[in-house]
Amino acid sequence: MSKVDFLKDFRDSKRIKAISEIIYKEADRSINIMEICGGHTHTIMKYGLSQILPPFINFIHGPGCPVCVMPKERIDHAISLVQDEKNILVVLGDMIRVPGSESSLAKERAKGKNVKVIYSPFDAIKIAKENPQKNVIYFAIGFETTTPMTASLVNFTIKDQIKNLFFHVNHVLVPPPIRAIMDSKEAKIDAFIGPSHVSVITGAKIYDDIVKSYGTPVVVSGFEPVDVMESILRIVRQFKERRREVEIQYTRAVNFEGNVKAQQLIDKYFTTRENFRWRGIGDIPYSGLKLKEEFSYLDAEIVFRDILPSKQVDDHKLCICGDILKGIAKPYDCKVFAKACTPENPLGACMVSSEGACAAYYKYGKLELTL
């Protein structure tokens, strides 16, 4: 059995062009495809995939960017927590630059506040053990992909009897916002490209009800350009053959049932919130997670509730990130895109995040097709 070179084989220009030619031959109708995850948006833009597809195949950008959907009041929670010198806030990646109502974690850190950026959630345990006199608060974000890591961190915290590590939980789920977008009928969506890393955990089964409810095919796709092109071809063939199904393109790691052990670990510690507010979209019932009541002594929203602001905060008036996440606008529709709003000075979360649609358009939008 020959060894697969993922970088070479799944970015091969000849394979990409060959699939493009097949799509041109077989596509017989217009199709609006929402790529749920920002990682797919970046692949589409970086490799110029829309330029080698029939013009009637249109990409619609979805809400699958965990940083982009985090409302300002959640950022304000984090900022409030670091005002107390007894607290250390631990956060991953892009969250540090996301603007809250008046500041960001990056600005607070520049003022000397205790904000630590980590690469692994388990670094939070090390920080807590090294600072026993401090409250260490892990600001947990992400879709189903990263939730098992937080659940595992909770598990270790309890087993190791770490008394000074707390969790501000901001994990969200993929299916509820998709349902909200479809029910609103604001965007015309015919099919979905589903993120493979989510389905490694959940399995492809989470999209079964989406297909049944709305008659929209869902293809769970890898993130390389060949993956995305193969997924588009699968969608084209479903319409051609009058099928509406959940398909798995990324069979290298995804199956229908997912990682059952990871699901059990999540279910042990987390339950759904009655409501979670999505940045630019609004309240979506049962779309976010929180710690179960028996673990409330670890829940930063309960332990530190007296210092957390309760006011909801709207986005900047000129920012249309919410419309982009709902699939009814694209970055170029924004009046401040690449002008007042840039990666160096972002007005909205879609420009801050490495998975944001605005960041993808800013970085790759002017590149010439090189395939």
Protein backbone atom coordinates (compact mmCIF):
# COMPACT_ATOMS: atom_id res chain seq x y z
CA MET A 1 0.00 0.00 0.00
CA SER A 2 1.51 3.31 -1.10
CA LYS A 3 1.99 6.08 1.43
CA VAL A 4 -0.27 9.11 1.05
CA ASP A 5 1.44 12.50 0.96
CA PHE A 6 -1.41 14.68 2.22
CA LEU A 7 0.19 17.99 1.34
CA LYS A 8 1.05 16.87 -2.19
CA ASP A 9 -1.88 14.64 -3.04
CA PHE A 10 -4.64 16.81 -1.61
CA ARG A 11 -3.26 20.06 -3.01
CA ASP A 12 -2.34 18.70 -6.42
CA SER A 13 -3.34 21.19 -9.11
CA LYS A 14 -3.96 18.46 -11.71
CA ARG A 15 -6.41 16.68 -9.43
CA ILE A 16 -8.16 19.94 -8.63
CA LYS A 17 -8.51 20.83 -12.30
CA ALA A 18 -9.71 17.33 -13.17
CA ILE A 19 -12.48 17.52 -10.57
CA SER A 20 -13.37 21.00 -11.82
CA GLU A 21 -13.83 19.64 -15.34
CA ILE A 22 -16.12 16.88 -14.06
CA ILE A 23 -18.20 19.40 -12.12
CA TYR A 24 -18.56 21.54 -15.26
CA LYS A 25 -19.82 18.49 -17.16
CA GLU A 26 -22.23 17.26 -14.51
CA ALA A 27 -23.60 20.43 -12.89
CA ASP A 28 -26.98 21.21 -14.40
CA ARG A 29 -28.45 23.79 -12.00
CA SER A 30 -27.50 26.65 -9.74
CA ILE A 31 -26.50 25.59 -6.21
CA ASN A 32 -25.94 27.82 -3.21
CA ILE A 33 -23.53 25.98 -0.91
CA MET A 34 -22.88 27.13 2.64
CA GLU A 35 -19.48 26.08 3.93
CA ILE A 36 -20.23 26.05 7.63
CA CYS A 37 -16.65 26.39 8.86
CA GLY A 38 -14.29 29.30 8.38
CA GLY A 39 -11.49 26.83 7.66
CA HIS A 40 -13.27 25.89 4.44
CA THR A 41 -13.74 29.56 3.58
CA HIS A 42 -9.98 30.08 3.82
CA THR A 43 -9.32 27.05 1.58
CA ILE A 44 -11.80 28.30 -1.01
CA MET A 45 -10.24 31.75 -1.04
CA LYS A 46 -6.59 30.69 -0.79
CA TYR A 47 -6.78 28.26 -3.71
CA GLY A 48 -9.22 30.30 -5.82
CA LEU A 49 -11.70 27.43 -6.02
CA SER A 50 -14.65 29.65 -6.91
CA GLN A 51 -12.73 30.78 -10.00
CA ILE A 52 -12.50 27.27 -11.42
CA LEU A 53 -16.10 26.29 -10.77
CA PRO A 54 -19.22 27.06 -12.84
CA PRO A 55 -20.42 30.59 -12.05
CA PHE A 56 -23.79 29.27 -10.90
CA ILE A 57 -22.18 27.43 -7.97
CA ASN A 58 -22.14 30.03 -5.22
CA PHE A 59 -20.43 29.85 -1.84
CA ILE A 60 -22.19 31.23 1.23
CA HIS A 61 -20.11 31.68 4.35
CA GLY A 62 -21.47 30.17 7.55
CA PRO A 63 -21.28 30.67 11.33
CA GLY A 64 -18.64 28.01 12.03
CA CYS A 65 -15.99 30.33 13.45
CA PRO A 66 -16.01 30.08 17.26
CA VAL A 67 -14.20 33.38 17.75
CA CYS A 68 -16.48 35.21 15.32
CA VAL A 69 -19.69 34.16 17.05
CA MET A 70 -18.60 35.16 20.56
CA PRO A 71 -20.71 38.17 21.63
CA LYS A 72 -19.11 41.24 23.14
CA GLU A 73 -20.62 40.64 26.58
CA ARG A 74 -18.71 37.34 26.87
CA ILE A 75 -15.49 39.22 26.10
CA ASP A 76 -16.53 41.79 28.70
CA HIS A 77 -16.82 38.93 31.21
CA ALA A 78 -13.20 38.00 30.56
CA ILE A 79 -12.09 41.63 30.83
CA SER A 80 -13.93 42.03 34.13
CA LEU A 81 -12.28 38.92 35.54
CA VAL A 82 -8.75 40.22 34.95
CA GLN A 83 -9.42 43.48 36.79
CA ASP A 84 -8.93 41.54 40.04
CA GLU A 85 -5.23 40.97 40.71
CA LYS A 86 -6.08 37.62 42.30
CA ASN A 87 -7.24 36.28 38.94
CA ILE A 88 -5.27 34.85 36.01
CA LEU A 89 -7.22 34.46 32.79
CA VAL A 90 -6.05 31.66 30.49
CA VAL A 91 -7.15 31.85 26.87
CA LEU A 92 -6.44 30.26 23.50
CA GLY A 93 -5.27 32.03 20.36
CA ASP A 94 -7.43 34.55 18.55
CA MET A 95 -9.67 35.43 21.50
CA ILE A 96 -7.10 37.84 22.88
CA ARG A 97 -7.68 40.36 20.08
CA VAL A 98 -11.48 40.18 19.82
CA PRO A 99 -12.96 43.57 20.77
CA GLY A 100 -15.39 43.75 23.67
CA SER A 101 -17.56 46.78 24.31
CA GLU A 102 -14.65 49.04 25.33
CA SER A 103 -11.46 46.99 25.33
CA SER A 104 -9.89 43.64 24.42
CA LEU A 105 -7.82 41.10 26.30
CA ALA A 106 -4.76 42.19 24.32
CA LYS A 107 -5.21 45.78 25.52
CA GLU A 108 -5.75 44.60 29.09
CA ARG A 109 -2.60 42.51 28.97
CA ALA A 110 -0.68 45.53 27.68
CA LYS A 111 -1.89 47.37 30.80
CA GLY A 112 -0.32 44.66 32.95
CA LYS A 113 -3.40 42.54 33.59
CA ASN A 114 -2.87 38.82 34.08
CA VAL A 115 -3.84 37.32 30.72
CA LYS A 116 -1.98 34.23 29.53
CA VAL A 117 -2.24 32.81 26.02
CA ILE A 118 -1.76 29.05 25.89
CA TYR A 119 -1.45 26.48 23.11
CA SER A 120 -2.91 23.53 25.04
CA PRO A 121 -5.79 23.65 27.54
CA PHE A 122 -3.69 21.47 29.85
CA ASP A 123 -1.28 24.36 30.30
CA ALA A 124 -4.00 25.75 32.56
CA ILE A 125 -3.29 22.98 35.09
CA LYS A 126 0.40 23.86 35.14
CA ILE A 127 -0.39 27.56 35.63
CA ALA A 128 -2.83 26.74 38.46
CA LYS A 129 -0.27 24.56 40.26
CA GLU A 130 2.43 27.20 39.86
CA ASN A 131 0.14 29.92 41.26
CA PRO A 132 -1.72 28.35 44.21
CA GLN A 133 -2.63 31.77 45.65
CA LYS A 134 -4.31 32.88 42.43
CA ASN A 135 -7.64 32.02 40.81
CA VAL A 136 -6.88 30.61 37.36
CA ILE A 137 -9.82 30.92 34.97
CA TYR A 138 -9.83 29.02 31.69
CA PHE A 139 -11.87 30.83 29.04
CA ALA A 140 -13.07 27.83 27.03
CA ILE A 141 -14.23 28.37 23.45
CA GLY A 142 -14.93 26.27 20.38
CA PHE A 143 -17.45 23.99 18.76
CA GLU A 144 -17.76 20.27 19.39
CA THR A 145 -14.17 19.85 18.18
CA THR A 146 -12.54 21.38 21.25
CA THR A 147 -15.17 20.53 23.86
CA PRO A 148 -13.63 17.11 24.72
CA MET A 149 -10.38 18.84 25.66
CA THR A 150 -12.21 21.09 28.10
CA ALA A 151 -14.14 18.11 29.48
CA SER A 152 -10.87 16.25 29.95
CA LEU A 153 -9.40 19.31 31.69
CA VAL A 154 -12.37 19.39 34.07
CA ASN A 155 -11.87 15.69 34.70
CA PHE A 156 -8.19 16.19 35.62
CA THR A 157 -9.03 19.20 37.77
CA ILE A 158 -11.44 17.13 39.86
CA LYS A 159 -9.21 14.05 40.07
CA ASP A 160 -6.11 16.08 41.02
CA GLN A 161 -8.19 18.15 43.48
CA ILE A 162 -7.02 21.42 42.01
CA LYS A 163 -8.92 24.03 44.00
CA ASN A 164 -7.97 27.20 42.14
CA LEU A 165 -8.88 26.35 38.53
CA PHE A 166 -12.25 27.54 37.20
CA PHE A 167 -13.99 27.43 33.81
CA HIS A 168 -15.76 30.16 31.87
CA VAL A 169 -17.49 27.92 29.32
CA ASN A 170 -18.27 29.30 25.86
CA HIS A 171 -18.56 26.08 23.86
CA VAL A 172 -21.21 26.13 21.16
CA LEU A 173 -22.85 23.57 18.89
CA VAL A 174 -23.05 23.43 15.09
CA PRO A 175 -26.63 22.21 14.31
CA PRO A 176 -28.65 24.87 16.23
CA PRO A 177 -27.34 27.93 14.30
CA ILE A 178 -27.82 26.06 11.02
CA ARG A 179 -31.45 25.48 11.97
CA ALA A 180 -31.81 29.13 13.00
CA ILE A 181 -30.41 30.30 9.66
CA MET A 182 -32.64 27.96 7.68
CA ASP A 183 -35.74 28.86 9.70
CA SER A 184 -35.14 32.58 9.18
CA LYS A 185 -35.27 32.06 5.39
CA GLU A 186 -33.06 35.11 4.94
CA ALA A 187 -30.44 33.17 3.00
CA LYS A 188 -31.12 30.84 0.09
CA ILE A 189 -29.09 27.72 0.90
CA ASP A 190 -29.34 24.52 -1.13
CA ALA A 191 -26.59 22.42 0.48
CA PHE A 192 -23.96 22.42 3.18
CA ILE A 193 -20.30 21.52 3.44
CA GLY A 194 -19.84 20.28 7.01
CA PRO A 195 -16.58 20.58 8.97
CA SER A 196 -14.78 17.26 9.35
CA HIS A 197 -13.04 18.08 12.65
CA VAL A 198 -16.44 18.54 14.33
CA SER A 199 -17.68 15.22 12.98
CA VAL A 200 -14.56 13.39 14.15
CA ILE A 201 -16.10 13.95 17.60
CA THR A 202 -19.85 13.99 16.92
CA GLY A 203 -20.01 11.77 13.87
CA ALA A 204 -21.82 12.77 10.69
CA LYS A 205 -25.12 11.84 12.37
CA ILE A 206 -25.58 15.36 13.76
CA TYR A 207 -26.61 16.51 10.26
CA ASP A 208 -29.23 13.82 9.72
CA ASP A 209 -32.08 15.98 11.02
CA ILE A 210 -30.89 18.95 8.95
CA VAL A 211 -31.21 16.93 5.76
CA LYS A 212 -34.61 15.53 6.77
CA SER A 213 -36.00 18.89 7.87
CA TYR A 214 -34.82 21.09 5.02
CA GLY A 215 -34.00 18.72 2.15
CA THR A 216 -30.47 20.10 1.95
CA PRO A 217 -27.58 17.70 1.27
CA VAL A 218 -24.70 17.81 3.75
CA VAL A 219 -21.24 16.58 2.80
CA VAL A 220 -18.71 16.34 5.62
CA SER A 221 -15.48 17.54 4.06
CA GLY A 222 -11.79 17.70 4.79
CA PHE A 223 -10.03 21.06 4.57
CA GLU A 224 -7.60 20.56 1.70
CA PRO A 225 -8.60 21.91 -1.74
CA VAL A 226 -9.06 18.43 -3.22
CA ASP A 227 -11.33 17.57 -0.28
CA VAL A 228 -13.49 20.63 -0.89
CA MET A 229 -13.69 20.01 -4.66
CA GLU A 230 -14.66 16.38 -4.11
CA SER A 231 -17.35 17.51 -1.68
CA ILE A 232 -18.77 19.95 -4.22
CA LEU A 233 -18.86 17.16 -6.80
CA ARG A 234 -20.76 14.97 -4.34
CA ILE A 235 -23.30 17.76 -3.83
CA VAL A 236 -23.68 18.25 -7.59
CA ARG A 237 -24.31 14.53 -8.03
CA GLN A 238 -26.89 14.46 -5.24
CA PHE A 239 -28.92 17.10 -7.03
CA LYS A 240 -28.42 15.40 -10.37
CA GLU A 241 -29.62 12.07 -8.94
CA ARG A 242 -32.41 13.71 -6.91
CA ARG A 243 -30.93 12.57 -3.60
CA ARG A 244 -30.74 14.45 -0.32
CA GLU A 245 -28.33 12.73 2.06
CA VAL A 246 -25.55 13.12 4.59
CA GLU A 247 -22.33 12.02 2.93
CA ILE A 248 -18.83 11.70 4.34
CA GLN A 249 -16.08 12.83 2.01
CA TYR A 250 -13.50 12.83 4.81
CA THR A 251 -13.57 9.08 5.38
CA ARG A 252 -9.95 9.27 6.52
CA ALA A 253 -11.13 10.21 10.00
CA VAL A 254 -14.93 10.59 10.10
CA ASN A 255 -17.67 8.01 10.48
CA PHE A 256 -21.39 8.30 11.15
CA GLU A 257 -21.26 7.69 14.92
CA GLY A 258 -18.14 9.67 15.85
CA ASN A 259 -15.93 9.32 18.90
CA VAL A 260 -18.28 7.75 21.45
CA LYS A 261 -15.81 8.02 24.35
CA ALA A 262 -15.37 11.74 23.73
CA GLN A 263 -19.14 12.18 23.57
CA GLN A 264 -19.53 10.37 26.90
CA LEU A 265 -16.91 12.59 28.52
CA ILE A 266 -18.71 15.71 27.30
CA ASP A 267 -22.07 14.38 28.53
CA LYS A 268 -20.54 13.65 31.95
CA TYR A 269 -19.66 17.28 32.64
CA PHE A 270 -21.74 19.48 30.32
CA THR A 271 -25.36 20.21 29.56
CA THR A 272 -26.98 22.59 27.06
CA ARG A 273 -27.89 26.14 28.02
CA GLU A 274 -31.47 27.21 27.50
CA ASN A 275 -30.12 30.07 25.44
CA PHE A 276 -26.85 31.36 24.07
CA ARG A 277 -26.42 34.68 22.30
CA TRP A 278 -24.43 34.51 19.06
CA ARG A 279 -22.55 37.58 17.91
CA GLY A 280 -24.52 39.27 15.15
CA ILE A 281 -27.12 36.49 15.03
CA GLY A 282 -28.92 36.70 18.36
CA ASP A 283 -30.28 34.22 20.85
CA ILE A 284 -30.34 30.59 19.74
CA PRO A 285 -31.95 28.11 22.17
CA TYR A 286 -29.89 25.13 23.30
CA SER A 287 -26.94 26.14 21.14
CA GLY A 288 -24.32 26.46 23.89
CA LEU A 289 -22.95 24.32 26.69
CA LYS A 290 -22.40 24.90 30.39
CA LEU A 291 -21.12 22.85 33.30
CA LYS A 292 -23.71 20.64 34.97
CA GLU A 293 -25.07 21.87 38.28
CA GLU A 294 -23.06 19.38 40.33
CA PHE A 295 -19.87 21.00 39.02
CA SER A 296 -21.01 24.59 39.63
CA TYR A 297 -18.14 25.09 42.10
CA LEU A 298 -15.86 25.12 39.02
CA ASP A 299 -18.10 27.44 36.99
CA ALA A 300 -16.58 30.93 36.76
CA GLU A 301 -19.94 32.42 35.81
CA ILE A 302 -21.29 31.29 39.18
CA VAL A 303 -18.21 31.66 41.38
CA PHE A 304 -17.46 35.19 40.11
CA ARG A 305 -21.00 36.25 39.22
CA ASP A 306 -20.83 39.36 41.43
CA ILE A 307 -18.17 40.98 39.23
CA LEU A 308 -19.49 39.90 35.81
CA PRO A 309 -21.44 42.45 33.75
CA SER A 310 -24.92 41.36 32.66
CA LYS A 311 -25.56 43.91 29.93
CA GLN A 312 -25.84 42.69 26.32
CA VAL A 313 -23.70 44.67 23.89
CA ASP A 314 -24.32 45.09 20.16
CA ASP A 315 -21.60 45.09 17.51
CA HIS A 316 -20.15 48.21 15.95
CA LYS A 317 -22.87 49.87 13.84
CA LEU A 318 -20.75 49.69 10.68
CA CYS A 319 -19.79 46.03 11.15
CA ILE A 320 -21.86 43.48 9.18
CA CYS A 321 -20.14 40.41 10.62
CA GLY A 322 -23.53 39.11 11.79
CA ASP A 323 -24.96 39.23 8.27
CA ILE A 324 -21.86 37.44 6.97
CA LEU A 325 -22.26 34.70 9.58
CA LYS A 326 -25.94 34.33 8.60
CA GLY A 327 -25.04 33.95 4.93
CA ILE A 328 -26.82 37.07 3.71
CA ALA A 329 -23.73 39.19 3.03
CA LYS A 330 -20.09 38.84 2.03
CA PRO A 331 -17.10 40.83 3.30
CA TYR A 332 -16.98 42.97 0.16
CA ASP A 333 -20.49 44.21 1.04
CA CYS A 334 -19.13 45.89 4.16
CA LYS A 335 -18.42 49.60 3.81
CA VAL A 336 -15.48 49.50 6.22
CA PHE A 337 -13.88 46.27 4.93
CA ALA A 338 -10.13 46.78 4.28
CA LYS A 339 -10.59 50.48 5.13
CA ALA A 340 -11.43 51.25 8.74
CA CYS A 341 -11.51 47.51 9.46
CA THR A 342 -8.27 45.59 8.90
CA PRO A 343 -6.50 42.73 10.71
CA GLU A 344 -4.35 45.34 12.47
CA ASN A 345 -7.40 47.37 13.51
CA PRO A 346 -10.42 45.04 13.47
CA LEU A 347 -13.87 46.45 14.13
CA GLY A 348 -15.48 43.02 14.16
CA ALA A 349 -14.70 39.43 15.02
CA CYS A 350 -14.83 38.22 11.39
CA MET A 351 -11.64 40.20 10.75
CA VAL A 352 -9.93 39.19 14.02
CA SER A 353 -10.14 35.43 13.77
CA SER A 354 -7.80 33.38 11.62
CA GLU A 355 -10.97 31.51 10.54
CA GLY A 356 -13.02 34.65 9.89
CA ALA A 357 -14.44 35.28 6.43
CA CYS A 358 -13.27 38.90 6.42
CA ALA A 359 -9.73 37.79 7.29
CA ALA A 360 -9.84 35.30 4.41
CA TYR A 361 -11.03 37.91 1.91
CA TYR A 362 -8.46 40.41 3.15
CA LYS A 363 -5.61 37.92 2.91
CA TYR A 364 -6.49 36.08 -0.29
CA GLY A 365 -9.09 38.15 -2.12
CA LYS A 366 -6.61 39.87 -4.42
CA LEU A 367 -4.51 36.83 -5.21
CA GLU A 368 -4.44 35.70 -8.83
CA LEU A 369 -5.36 32.10 -9.57
CA THR A 370 -2.13 30.10 -9.66
CA LEU A 371 -3.44 26.62 -10.31
